[in-house]
Each structure stands twice: as C-alpha cells, then as structure tokens.
Amino acid sequence: MLLAALWIGLALAEKRTERHGISKETLNNIVYYSILGYILGGRVLYALSHFSAFAQSPFSLFSPSPDLFDPLAALMSSALVAFVYGQQQKLSLRPTLDALTPFFATLAIGLALAHLAEGTAFGSPTNSTWGVELWGATRHPSQMYELIASLLIFGLIWFRKTDSPPGVSFLTFAALAAAARLFLEAFRGDSMLIFGGLRLAQVVAWITLVAALALLESTFQRGKS
C-alpha cells in the first residue's frame, strides 16, 4: 500500500513541478534520498540507542523486522537529508514544499490503507451500529475515518486554486491534516498518552495547526503588502 502510494504520489507531484520552478529530476532525487535517509536513519539510530544488543548480534542490523526501527529518528533523518539536498541544489523552501504537497497527500491515503489492511491504528470500543469486530471487541472503524479524511484532504489540495503565494499549498495541507488528526485521534484505541491522559498525537496536532495557521496568515499579509 505504501509503495503504491509513493509511486502514485510522486507521479502526481511530477505533473505540477514546473509551476513551482522545480525540475522533475530534482523532485525525484529529493524524494528518493529522503526515503533512503528514512530507512537508514531509522535502523542505524535505533541500533545506536541499543548498542549493546546489536554489538552482540551485528547481523541483526540487517533484519527485516520492523520492531528494530525508530520511526521518529527515521523522520528526523529523512527531513535532514531533504534539507541538505535542498541546500546543495539551492532550492527555495516554500515552492519545494508546495511541489511535494501532492506526494504528501497521497502518502497519507496510502498510510490509511496500510492501517486498514494490517489492523493497526485501530479504534476504541463502541456500541455504534457501524462498529467493526477487531481484536476481541466492537470498535470504531478508525482506519476508514482516516481514509475518508485523507481522500477529502487530497481533493481539497489537488483542486484548489494555484495562483496563491508560495508555501500556501503546503501550509493548507498541514493545517487540514492537523485538524483531521485532532478529530480522528478521539476515536483511536491505541493512542499514546502523556501527562496523565493527554493524547500525544493531539498535542502535536494542536501545535502544528496553530503554527500552520499563523504562517498562512503571515504569508497572506506579506502578499498584500
């Protein structure tokens, strides 16, 4: 599911690279290098944080097990690789993020489909008639909620006007995705809790939403001046 989303998302992003002043080759490179940074960074940084275990079994570094992987470190590595490549190519940040926005929106759809196929990101128990049987309980079909939200966001991003200032497309996607996460997380049954009950994903979503809206306001104000 994720591989299909990566391929489709990149193909869609390529269709609109020229309007953002970025070549297809550059767009492909930044995506490929970021994926490589994600894979290597997630595994290597996990190994470094569990050095004693990997020192006893070095070949486990090449294990296909997803448990030996740090997703947060992988995201940070991917972002760092993309930033370094962008600096080397002298890419402007906002147009580059706009060019990648269809890729991000499609990847979100693929992630929802992957959750649905695997049964992860499952919902909390419910008595509603549309609940599904999963892991020994009737639960909210949170994966379907996520899929519907991702499809709606993609539609809003893909069919929106294209004459907006640089950065607006990406910031709009970020704001919509954060707002959707605030809503969707309320139905999740596997949320990570912090500070005695706050859902970590909702805290991150609130911060992202506020930052995206503030930057959107700043961008439009700058465009008027």
Protein backbone atom coordinates (compact mmCIF):
# COMPACT_ATOMS: atom_id res chain seq x y z
CA MET A 1 0.00 0.00 0.00
CA LEU A 2 2.73 2.42 0.96
CA LEU A 3 4.88 1.61 -2.07
CA ALA A 4 1.91 2.17 -4.37
CA ALA A 5 1.18 5.48 -2.64
CA LEU A 6 4.82 6.54 -3.01
CA TRP A 7 4.78 5.82 -6.73
CA ILE A 8 1.39 7.44 -7.40
CA GLY A 9 2.16 10.44 -5.22
CA LEU A 10 5.45 11.08 -6.96
CA ALA A 11 3.80 10.75 -10.37
CA LEU A 12 1.14 13.29 -9.40
CA ALA A 13 3.71 15.68 -7.94
CA GLU A 14 5.71 15.49 -11.16
CA LYS A 15 2.72 16.83 -13.10
CA ARG A 16 2.93 20.15 -11.27
CA THR A 17 6.64 20.68 -10.78
CA GLU A 18 7.01 23.35 -13.47
CA ARG A 19 4.58 25.74 -11.83
CA HIS A 20 6.80 25.68 -8.73
CA GLY A 21 10.04 26.15 -10.65
CA ILE A 22 11.43 22.70 -9.81
CA SER A 23 12.54 20.08 -12.33
CA LYS A 24 11.16 16.54 -12.25
CA GLU A 25 14.66 15.17 -11.76
CA THR A 26 15.22 17.34 -8.69
CA LEU A 27 11.85 16.34 -7.26
CA ASN A 28 12.59 12.65 -7.80
CA ASN A 29 16.01 12.98 -6.20
CA ILE A 30 14.77 14.72 -3.09
CA VAL A 31 12.10 12.04 -2.60
CA TYR A 32 14.46 9.11 -3.22
CA TYR A 33 17.20 10.48 -0.98
CA SER A 34 14.65 11.22 1.75
CA ILE A 35 13.30 7.67 1.59
CA LEU A 36 16.84 6.32 1.83
CA GLY A 37 17.51 8.60 4.79
CA TYR A 38 14.30 7.40 6.42
CA ILE A 39 15.19 3.71 6.08
CA LEU A 40 18.84 4.00 7.07
CA GLY A 41 18.31 6.61 9.77
CA GLY A 42 15.52 4.69 11.48
CA ARG A 43 17.56 1.50 11.66
CA VAL A 44 21.02 2.95 12.41
CA LEU A 45 19.83 5.33 15.11
CA TYR A 46 17.80 2.54 16.70
CA ALA A 47 20.92 0.37 16.68
CA LEU A 48 22.97 3.15 18.28
CA SER A 49 20.40 3.58 21.04
CA HIS A 50 20.56 -0.20 21.69
CA PHE A 51 24.26 -0.56 21.00
CA SER A 52 24.97 -3.35 23.49
CA ALA A 53 22.32 -5.63 21.97
CA PHE A 54 23.50 -5.03 18.41
CA ALA A 55 27.16 -5.42 19.44
CA GLN A 56 26.38 -8.99 20.47
CA SER A 57 24.49 -9.67 17.22
CA PRO A 58 25.75 -7.29 14.49
CA PHE A 59 23.91 -9.05 11.68
CA SER A 60 20.58 -8.17 13.29
CA LEU A 61 21.21 -4.72 11.82
CA PHE A 62 20.05 -6.21 8.50
CA SER A 63 16.97 -7.90 9.97
CA PRO A 64 13.70 -7.12 8.13
CA SER A 65 11.87 -6.86 11.47
CA PRO A 66 10.04 -3.51 11.75
CA ASP A 67 10.41 -3.68 15.53
CA LEU A 68 14.12 -2.84 15.20
CA PHE A 69 13.30 0.61 13.87
CA ASP A 70 12.85 4.10 15.31
CA PRO A 71 10.11 5.96 13.33
CA LEU A 72 10.79 9.34 14.96
CA ALA A 73 14.52 9.10 14.26
CA ALA A 74 13.68 8.00 10.72
CA LEU A 75 11.53 11.08 10.14
CA MET A 76 14.24 13.36 11.50
CA SER A 77 16.85 11.69 9.30
CA SER A 78 14.60 11.97 6.25
CA ALA A 79 13.95 15.67 6.88
CA LEU A 80 17.67 16.32 7.41
CA VAL A 81 18.59 14.57 4.15
CA ALA A 82 15.94 16.55 2.27
CA PHE A 83 17.15 19.82 3.79
CA VAL A 84 20.80 19.15 2.97
CA TYR A 85 19.95 18.18 -0.61
CA GLY A 86 17.76 21.26 -0.98
CA GLN A 87 20.58 23.49 0.25
CA GLN A 88 23.03 21.90 -2.18
CA GLN A 89 20.62 22.47 -5.07
CA LYS A 90 19.78 26.00 -3.83
CA LEU A 91 16.07 25.18 -3.69
CA SER A 92 13.63 27.65 -2.17
CA LEU A 93 11.88 26.03 0.79
CA ARG A 94 8.28 27.09 0.20
CA PRO A 95 7.99 26.28 -3.53
CA THR A 96 9.69 22.94 -2.86
CA LEU A 97 7.19 22.06 -0.14
CA ASP A 98 4.34 23.11 -2.44
CA ALA A 99 5.69 20.82 -5.17
CA LEU A 100 5.82 17.93 -2.70
CA THR A 101 2.34 18.52 -1.26
CA PRO A 102 0.50 16.14 -3.68
CA PHE A 103 3.07 13.50 -2.73
CA PHE A 104 2.40 14.03 0.99
CA ALA A 105 -1.38 13.96 0.49
CA THR A 106 -1.22 10.73 -1.50
CA LEU A 107 1.11 9.16 1.05
CA ALA A 108 -1.47 9.90 3.75
CA ILE A 109 -4.04 7.91 1.75
CA GLY A 110 -1.59 5.03 1.41
CA LEU A 111 -0.89 5.10 5.14
CA ALA A 112 -4.62 4.89 5.90
CA LEU A 113 -4.96 1.92 3.54
CA ALA A 114 -1.96 0.24 5.18
CA HIS A 115 -3.55 0.70 8.60
CA LEU A 116 -6.78 -0.79 7.27
CA ALA A 117 -5.01 -3.78 5.73
CA GLU A 118 -2.91 -4.51 8.79
CA GLY A 119 -5.46 -3.73 11.50
CA THR A 120 -3.22 -1.16 13.15
CA ALA A 121 -4.29 2.33 14.27
CA PHE A 122 -7.46 0.59 15.47
CA GLY A 123 -10.43 2.34 17.05
CA SER A 124 -11.71 2.48 20.59
CA PRO A 125 -14.61 0.24 21.69
CA THR A 126 -18.06 1.45 20.63
CA ASN A 127 -21.72 0.46 20.69
CA SER A 128 -22.47 2.16 17.36
CA THR A 129 -24.09 0.13 14.59
CA TRP A 130 -21.17 0.75 12.22
CA GLY A 131 -18.60 -0.67 14.62
CA VAL A 132 -16.32 -3.48 13.41
CA GLU A 133 -15.10 -6.57 15.23
CA LEU A 134 -11.37 -6.26 15.81
CA TRP A 135 -9.01 -7.57 18.47
CA GLY A 136 -11.84 -9.07 20.53
CA ALA A 137 -14.12 -6.01 20.67
CA THR A 138 -16.52 -3.93 18.59
CA ARG A 139 -14.53 -0.84 17.65
CA HIS A 140 -14.81 2.38 15.72
CA PRO A 141 -13.59 1.82 12.13
CA SER A 142 -10.91 4.44 12.72
CA GLN A 143 -8.93 3.33 9.66
CA MET A 144 -11.95 4.13 7.47
CA TYR A 145 -12.34 7.51 9.17
CA GLU A 146 -8.67 8.16 8.42
CA LEU A 147 -9.07 7.07 4.80
CA ILE A 148 -12.11 9.29 4.22
CA ALA A 149 -10.36 12.28 5.79
CA SER A 150 -7.23 11.68 3.71
CA LEU A 151 -9.26 11.46 0.48
CA LEU A 152 -11.10 14.69 1.30
CA ILE A 153 -7.85 16.49 2.08
CA PHE A 154 -6.29 15.25 -1.15
CA GLY A 155 -9.30 16.51 -3.12
CA LEU A 156 -9.13 19.93 -1.48
CA ILE A 157 -5.40 20.17 -2.17
CA TRP A 158 -5.50 18.88 -5.74
CA PHE A 159 -8.41 21.02 -6.94
CA ARG A 160 -7.61 24.23 -5.10
CA LYS A 161 -6.57 27.42 -6.90
CA THR A 162 -2.94 27.51 -7.99
CA ASP A 163 -2.33 31.27 -8.03
CA SER A 164 -1.65 31.56 -4.30
CA PRO A 165 1.68 32.71 -2.82
CA PRO A 166 4.49 30.16 -2.35
CA GLY A 167 4.01 27.96 0.67
CA VAL A 168 0.23 28.22 0.85
CA SER A 169 -0.44 24.78 -0.65
CA PHE A 170 1.79 23.01 1.86
CA LEU A 171 0.59 25.07 4.84
CA THR A 172 -3.03 24.41 3.85
CA PHE A 173 -2.30 20.68 3.72
CA ALA A 174 -0.53 20.84 7.09
CA ALA A 175 -3.45 22.68 8.69
CA LEU A 176 -6.04 20.28 7.25
CA ALA A 177 -4.03 17.22 8.23
CA ALA A 178 -3.55 18.55 11.78
CA ALA A 179 -7.27 19.36 12.13
CA ALA A 180 -8.17 15.89 10.86
CA ARG A 181 -5.77 14.31 13.34
CA LEU A 182 -7.40 16.20 16.21
CA PHE A 183 -10.75 14.70 15.21
CA LEU A 184 -9.55 11.21 14.31
CA GLU A 185 -7.48 10.70 17.43
CA ALA A 186 -10.62 10.89 19.58
CA PHE A 187 -11.73 7.55 18.10
CA ARG A 188 -8.40 5.74 18.36
CA GLY A 189 -7.93 2.89 20.80
CA ASP A 190 -4.14 2.79 20.70
CA SER A 191 -3.19 6.42 21.34
CA MET A 192 -0.01 7.21 23.21
CA LEU A 193 -0.90 9.13 26.38
CA ILE A 194 1.27 11.71 28.12
CA PHE A 195 0.93 13.85 31.26
CA GLY A 196 -1.70 11.61 32.77
CA GLY A 197 -4.14 11.32 29.88
CA LEU A 198 -3.36 13.76 27.05
CA ARG A 199 -3.08 12.13 23.64
CA LEU A 200 0.38 12.84 22.23
CA ALA A 201 -0.87 12.96 18.62
CA GLN A 202 -3.47 15.58 19.53
CA VAL A 203 -0.90 17.73 21.32
CA VAL A 204 1.35 17.60 18.25
CA ALA A 205 -1.65 18.29 16.01
CA TRP A 206 -2.63 21.37 18.03
CA ILE A 207 0.89 22.77 17.78
CA THR A 208 1.03 22.02 14.04
CA LEU A 209 -2.39 23.58 13.41
CA VAL A 210 -1.58 26.78 15.28
CA ALA A 211 1.80 27.10 13.54
CA ALA A 212 0.32 26.41 10.08
CA LEU A 213 -2.50 28.95 10.54
CA ALA A 214 -0.08 31.58 11.86
CA LEU A 215 2.24 31.07 8.90
CA LEU A 216 -0.70 31.19 6.47
CA GLU A 217 -1.83 34.49 7.96
CA SER A 218 1.71 35.84 7.73
CA THR A 219 2.03 34.68 4.11
CA PHE A 220 -1.22 36.38 3.03
CA GLN A 221 -0.36 39.56 4.90
CA ARG A 222 3.02 39.64 3.20
CA GLY A 223 1.32 39.16 -0.17
CA LYS A 224 -0.95 42.16 0.43
CA SER A 225 1.91 44.47 1.42
